[in-house]
Amino acid sequence: MIDEAFIRQGLYVQGLPVYTTDIPYIQNLLLTMNQAQTSLHVFPHLNMEVPVTVVDKEVIR
């Protein structure tokens, strides 16, 4: 988990106001970003894959 002091310091250095109620949301956002980054390390060419699209309506039903 990302430390609250780390987030506060990062906001302070950038000249942004620090609101205590925003800290959990920022932690959640950073955690989500780290999880997405981990997936890209495991599958580095994931964004190069073309998704399969089904356009036949009978197949979808």
PDB file of N, CA and C in Angstrom:
ATOM      1  N   MET A   1       0.848  -1.175   0.000  1.00  0.00           N
ATOM      2  CA  MET A   1       0.000   0.000   0.000  1.00  0.00           C
ATOM      3  C   MET A   1       0.896   1.240   0.000  1.00  0.00           C
ATOM      4  N   ILE A   2       0.451   2.260  -0.672  1.00  0.00           N
ATOM      5  CA  ILE A   2       1.198   3.507  -0.777  1.00  0.00           C
ATOM      6  C   ILE A   2       1.020   4.276   0.527  1.00  0.00           C
ATOM      7  N   ASP A   3       2.118   4.729   1.069  1.00  0.00           N
ATOM      8  CA  ASP A   3       2.102   5.428   2.355  1.00  0.00           C
ATOM      9  C   ASP A   3       1.441   6.806   2.226  1.00  0.00           C
ATOM     10  N   GLU A   4       0.654   7.168   3.230  1.00  0.00           N
ATOM     11  CA  GLU A   4      -0.039   8.455   3.238  1.00  0.00           C
ATOM     12  C   GLU A   4       0.950   9.613   3.240  1.00  0.00           C
ATOM     13  N   ALA A   5       2.055   9.472   3.954  1.00  0.00           N
ATOM     14  CA  ALA A   5       3.059  10.537   3.999  1.00  0.00           C
ATOM     15  C   ALA A   5       3.678  10.767   2.615  1.00  0.00           C
ATOM     16  N   PHE A   6       3.857   9.696   1.859  1.00  0.00           N
ATOM     17  CA  PHE A   6       4.396   9.794   0.498  1.00  0.00           C
ATOM     18  C   PHE A   6       3.455  10.618  -0.386  1.00  0.00           C
ATOM     19  N   ILE A   7       2.159  10.362  -0.271  1.00  0.00           N
ATOM     20  CA  ILE A   7       1.174  11.097  -1.067  1.00  0.00           C
ATOM     21  C   ILE A   7       1.143  12.559  -0.650  1.00  0.00           C
ATOM     22  N   ARG A   8       1.142  12.806   0.653  1.00  0.00           N
ATOM     23  CA  ARG A   8       1.135  14.189   1.145  1.00  0.00           C
ATOM     24  C   ARG A   8       2.357  14.960   0.647  1.00  0.00           C
ATOM     25  N   GLN A   9       3.520  14.324   0.716  1.00  0.00           N
ATOM     26  CA  GLN A   9       4.754  14.976   0.270  1.00  0.00           C
ATOM     27  C   GLN A   9       4.708  15.262  -1.223  1.00  0.00           C
ATOM     28  N   GLY A  10       4.191  14.295  -1.995  1.00  0.00           N
ATOM     29  CA  GLY A  10       4.090  14.483  -3.437  1.00  0.00           C
ATOM     30  C   GLY A  10       3.169  15.635  -3.806  1.00  0.00           C
ATOM     31  N   LEU A  11       2.063  15.763  -3.115  1.00  0.00           N
ATOM     32  CA  LEU A  11       1.150  16.873  -3.365  1.00  0.00           C
ATOM     33  C   LEU A  11       1.781  18.197  -2.948  1.00  0.00           C
ATOM     34  N   TYR A  12       2.464  18.185  -1.815  1.00  0.00           N
ATOM     35  CA  TYR A  12       3.101  19.408  -1.308  1.00  0.00           C
ATOM     36  C   TYR A  12       4.177  19.908  -2.272  1.00  0.00           C
ATOM     37  N   VAL A  13       4.986  18.998  -2.770  1.00  0.00           N
ATOM     38  CA  VAL A  13       6.077  19.367  -3.679  1.00  0.00           C
ATOM     39  C   VAL A  13       5.529  20.006  -4.953  1.00  0.00           C
ATOM     40  N   GLN A  14       4.371  19.548  -5.404  1.00  0.00           N
ATOM     41  CA  GLN A  14       3.777  20.097  -6.616  1.00  0.00           C
ATOM     42  C   GLN A  14       2.939  21.341  -6.357  1.00  0.00           C
ATOM     43  N   GLY A  15       2.846  21.750  -5.103  1.00  0.00           N
ATOM     44  CA  GLY A  15       2.093  22.953  -4.763  1.00  0.00           C
ATOM     45  C   GLY A  15       0.593  22.744  -4.745  1.00  0.00           C
ATOM     46  N   LEU A  16       0.174  21.500  -4.587  1.00  0.00           N
ATOM     47  CA  LEU A  16      -1.254  21.193  -4.564  1.00  0.00           C
ATOM     48  C   LEU A  16      -1.749  21.126  -3.116  1.00  0.00           C
ATOM     49  N   PRO A  17      -2.997  21.499  -2.874  1.00  0.00           N
ATOM     50  CA  PRO A  17      -3.529  21.410  -1.518  1.00  0.00           C
ATOM     51  C   PRO A  17      -3.717  19.951  -1.107  1.00  0.00           C
ATOM     52  N   VAL A  18      -3.533  19.683   0.165  1.00  0.00           N
ATOM     53  CA  VAL A  18      -3.683  18.329   0.694  1.00  0.00           C
ATOM     54  C   VAL A  18      -4.978  18.263   1.486  1.00  0.00           C
ATOM     55  N   TYR A  19      -5.904  17.452   1.001  1.00  0.00           N
ATOM     56  CA  TYR A  19      -7.162  17.229   1.693  1.00  0.00           C
ATOM     57  C   TYR A  19      -7.149  15.805   2.241  1.00  0.00           C
ATOM     58  N   THR A  20      -7.319  15.680   3.543  1.00  0.00           N
ATOM     59  CA  THR A  20      -7.247  14.373   4.195  1.00  0.00           C
ATOM     60  C   THR A  20      -8.270  13.404   3.622  1.00  0.00           C
ATOM     61  N   THR A  21      -9.430  13.907   3.246  1.00  0.00           N
ATOM     62  CA  THR A  21     -10.475  13.023   2.716  1.00  0.00           C
ATOM     63  C   THR A  21     -10.130  12.477   1.331  1.00  0.00           C
ATOM     64  N   ASP A  22      -9.204  13.109   0.627  1.00  0.00           N
ATOM     65  CA  ASP A  22      -8.818  12.661  -0.713  1.00  0.00           C
ATOM     66  C   ASP A  22      -7.748  11.572  -0.697  1.00  0.00           C
ATOM     67  N   ILE A  23      -7.041  11.429   0.408  1.00  0.00           N
ATOM     68  CA  ILE A  23      -5.917  10.484   0.485  1.00  0.00           C
ATOM     69  C   ILE A  23      -6.339   9.048   0.142  1.00  0.00           C
ATOM     70  N   PRO A  24      -7.452   8.504   0.695  1.00  0.00           N
ATOM     71  CA  PRO A  24      -7.823   7.125   0.325  1.00  0.00           C
ATOM     72  C   PRO A  24      -8.132   6.963  -1.164  1.00  0.00           C
ATOM     73  N   TYR A  25      -8.724   7.975  -1.781  1.00  0.00           N
ATOM     74  CA  TYR A  25      -9.019   7.897  -3.209  1.00  0.00           C
ATOM     75  C   TYR A  25      -7.735   7.896  -4.033  1.00  0.00           C
ATOM     76  N   ILE A  26      -6.773   8.704  -3.620  1.00  0.00           N
ATOM     77  CA  ILE A  26      -5.488   8.748  -4.319  1.00  0.00           C
ATOM     78  C   ILE A  26      -4.763   7.417  -4.151  1.00  0.00           C
ATOM     79  N   GLN A  27      -4.818   6.834  -2.941  1.00  0.00           N
ATOM     80  CA  GLN A  27      -4.198   5.535  -2.711  1.00  0.00           C
ATOM     81  C   GLN A  27      -4.834   4.477  -3.607  1.00  0.00           C
ATOM     82  N   ASN A  28      -6.153   4.498  -3.720  1.00  0.00           N
ATOM     83  CA  ASN A  28      -6.860   3.530  -4.554  1.00  0.00           C
ATOM     84  C   ASN A  28      -6.472   3.700  -6.024  1.00  0.00           C
ATOM     85  N   LEU A  29      -6.376   4.933  -6.470  1.00  0.00           N
ATOM     86  CA  LEU A  29      -5.996   5.213  -7.853  1.00  0.00           C
ATOM     87  C   LEU A  29      -4.580   4.727  -8.143  1.00  0.00           C
ATOM     88  N   LEU A  30      -3.661   4.988  -7.238  1.00  0.00           N
ATOM     89  CA  LEU A  30      -2.279   4.542  -7.424  1.00  0.00           C
ATOM     90  C   LEU A  30      -2.180   3.022  -7.403  1.00  0.00           C
ATOM     91  N   LEU A  31      -2.962   2.370  -6.545  1.00  0.00           N
ATOM     92  CA  LEU A  31      -2.974   0.913  -6.500  1.00  0.00           C
ATOM     93  C   LEU A  31      -3.487   0.340  -7.813  1.00  0.00           C
ATOM     94  N   THR A  32      -4.551   0.916  -8.351  1.00  0.00           N
ATOM     95  CA  THR A  32      -5.103   0.464  -9.633  1.00  0.00           C
ATOM     96  C   THR A  32      -4.090   0.640 -10.752  1.00  0.00           C
ATOM     97  N   MET A  33      -3.398   1.769 -10.757  1.00  0.00           N
ATOM     98  CA  MET A  33      -2.381   2.013 -11.786  1.00  0.00           C
ATOM     99  C   MET A  33      -1.235   1.009 -11.669  1.00  0.00           C
ATOM    100  N   ASN A  34      -0.821   0.686 -10.454  1.00  0.00           N
ATOM    101  CA  ASN A  34       0.258  -0.291 -10.259  1.00  0.00           C
ATOM    102  C   ASN A  34      -0.170  -1.677 -10.722  1.00  0.00           C
ATOM    103  N   GLN A  35      -1.433  -2.051 -10.482  1.00  0.00           N
ATOM    104  CA  GLN A  35      -1.921  -3.352 -10.937  1.00  0.00           C
ATOM    105  C   GLN A  35      -1.946  -3.424 -12.455  1.00  0.00           C
ATOM    106  N   ALA A  36      -2.372  -2.355 -13.108  1.00  0.00           N
ATOM    107  CA  ALA A  36      -2.389  -2.325 -14.564  1.00  0.00           C
ATOM    108  C   ALA A  36      -0.972  -2.401 -15.121  1.00  0.00           C
ATOM    109  N   GLN A  37      -0.043  -1.733 -14.475  1.00  0.00           N
ATOM    110  CA  GLN A  37       1.345  -1.753 -14.926  1.00  0.00           C
ATOM    111  C   GLN A  37       1.929  -3.153 -14.772  1.00  0.00           C
ATOM    112  N   THR A  38       1.568  -3.853 -13.717  1.00  0.00           N
ATOM    113  CA  THR A  38       2.051  -5.215 -13.502  1.00  0.00           C
ATOM    114  C   THR A  38       1.590  -6.124 -14.632  1.00  0.00           C
ATOM    115  N   SER A  39       0.342  -5.958 -15.061  1.00  0.00           N
ATOM    116  CA  SER A  39      -0.172  -6.773 -16.171  1.00  0.00           C
ATOM    117  C   SER A  39       0.628  -6.533 -17.445  1.00  0.00           C
ATOM    118  N   LEU A  40       1.012  -5.303 -17.688  1.00  0.00           N
ATOM    119  CA  LEU A  40       1.801  -5.002 -18.889  1.00  0.00           C
ATOM    120  C   LEU A  40       3.213  -5.565 -18.802  1.00  0.00           C
ATOM    121  N   HIS A  41       3.747  -5.719 -17.591  1.00  0.00           N
ATOM    122  CA  HIS A  41       5.066  -6.338 -17.453  1.00  0.00           C
ATOM    123  C   HIS A  41       4.979  -7.832 -17.751  1.00  0.00           C
ATOM    124  N   VAL A  42       3.876  -8.458 -17.367  1.00  0.00           N
ATOM    125  CA  VAL A  42       3.705  -9.891 -17.602  1.00  0.00           C
ATOM    126  C   VAL A  42       3.415 -10.158 -19.078  1.00  0.00           C
ATOM    127  N   PHE A  43       2.569  -9.306 -19.686  1.00  0.00           N
ATOM    128  CA  PHE A  43       2.208  -9.439 -21.098  1.00  0.00           C
ATOM    129  C   PHE A  43       2.581  -8.145 -21.823  1.00  0.00           C
ATOM    130  N   PRO A  44       3.842  -7.951 -22.178  1.00  0.00           N
ATOM    131  CA  PRO A  44       4.279  -6.661 -22.733  1.00  0.00           C
ATOM    132  C   PRO A  44       3.658  -6.308 -24.083  1.00  0.00           C
ATOM    133  N   HIS A  45       3.227  -7.293 -24.849  1.00  0.00           N
ATOM    134  CA  HIS A  45       2.672  -7.009 -26.166  1.00  0.00           C
ATOM    135  C   HIS A  45       1.144  -7.078 -26.162  1.00  0.00           C
ATOM    136  N   LEU A  46       0.546  -6.950 -24.992  1.00  0.00           N
ATOM    137  CA  LEU A  46      -0.899  -7.061 -24.869  1.00  0.00           C
ATOM    138  C   LEU A  46      -1.623  -6.001 -25.688  1.00  0.00           C
ATOM    139  N   ASN A  47      -1.092  -4.794 -25.715  1.00  0.00           N
ATOM    140  CA  ASN A  47      -1.759  -3.718 -26.463  1.00  0.00           C
ATOM    141  C   ASN A  47      -1.602  -3.875 -27.969  1.00  0.00           C
ATOM    142  N   MET A  48      -0.764  -4.785 -28.427  1.00  0.00           N
ATOM    143  CA  MET A  48      -0.578  -5.003 -29.857  1.00  0.00           C
ATOM    144  C   MET A  48      -1.561  -6.031 -30.410  1.00  0.00           C
ATOM    145  N   GLU A  49      -2.240  -6.785 -29.529  1.00  0.00           N
ATOM    146  CA  GLU A  49      -3.190  -7.802 -29.962  1.00  0.00           C
ATOM    147  C   GLU A  49      -4.467  -7.148 -30.470  1.00  0.00           C
ATOM    148  N   VAL A  50      -4.971  -7.661 -31.571  1.00  0.00           N
ATOM    149  CA  VAL A  50      -6.226  -7.165 -32.136  1.00  0.00           C
ATOM    150  C   VAL A  50      -7.365  -7.945 -31.483  1.00  0.00           C
ATOM    151  N   PRO A  51      -8.334  -7.246 -30.874  1.00  0.00           N
ATOM    152  CA  PRO A  51      -9.440  -7.968 -30.234  1.00  0.00           C
ATOM    153  C   PRO A  51     -10.344  -8.636 -31.266  1.00  0.00           C
ATOM    154  N   VAL A  52     -10.942  -9.737 -30.875  1.00  0.00           N
ATOM    155  CA  VAL A  52     -11.863 -10.457 -31.746  1.00  0.00           C
ATOM    156  C   VAL A  52     -13.237  -9.801 -31.604  1.00  0.00           C
ATOM    157  N   THR A  53     -13.850  -9.482 -32.729  1.00  0.00           N
ATOM    158  CA  THR A  53     -15.169  -8.850 -32.724  1.00  0.00           C
ATOM    159  C   THR A  53     -16.143  -9.707 -33.493  1.00  0.00           C
ATOM    160  N   VAL A  54     -17.269 -10.016 -32.871  1.00  0.00           N
ATOM    161  CA  VAL A  54     -18.321 -10.785 -33.525  1.00  0.00           C
ATOM    162  C   VAL A  54     -19.395  -9.798 -33.955  1.00  0.00           C
ATOM    163  N   VAL A  55     -19.717  -9.802 -35.257  1.00  0.00           N
ATOM    164  CA  VAL A  55     -20.700  -8.858 -35.769  1.00  0.00           C
ATOM    165  C   VAL A  55     -22.011  -9.536 -36.171  1.00  0.00           C
ATOM    166  N   ASP A  56     -22.041 -10.871 -36.203  1.00  0.00           N
ATOM    167  CA  ASP A  56     -23.241 -11.593 -36.558  1.00  0.00           C
ATOM    168  C   ASP A  56     -24.188 -11.614 -35.364  1.00  0.00           C
ATOM    169  N   LYS A  57     -25.374 -11.032 -35.498  1.00  0.00           N
ATOM    170  CA  LYS A  57     -26.306 -10.950 -34.369  1.00  0.00           C
ATOM    171  C   LYS A  57     -26.785 -12.324 -33.924  1.00  0.00           C
ATOM    172  N   GLU A  58     -26.861 -13.287 -34.835  1.00  0.00           N
ATOM    173  CA  GLU A  58     -27.315 -14.617 -34.471  1.00  0.00           C
ATOM    174  C   GLU A  58     -26.303 -15.328 -33.550  1.00  0.00           C
ATOM    175  N   VAL A  59     -25.045 -15.028 -33.717  1.00  0.00           N
ATOM    176  CA  VAL A  59     -24.011 -15.619 -32.886  1.00  0.00           C
ATOM    177  C   VAL A  59     -24.079 -15.043 -31.473  1.00  0.00           C
ATOM    178  N   ILE A  60     -24.400 -13.777 -31.338  1.00  0.00           N
ATOM    179  CA  ILE A  60     -24.453 -13.118 -30.031  1.00  0.00           C
ATOM    180  C   ILE A  60     -25.607 -13.658 -29.197  1.00  0.00           C
ATOM    181  N   ARG A  61     -26.728 -13.966 -29.815  1.00  0.00           N
ATOM    182  CA  ARG A  61     -27.888 -14.473 -29.064  1.00  0.00           C
ATOM    183  C   ARG A  61     -27.622 -15.821 -28.582  1.00  0.00           C
TER     184      ARG A  61
END
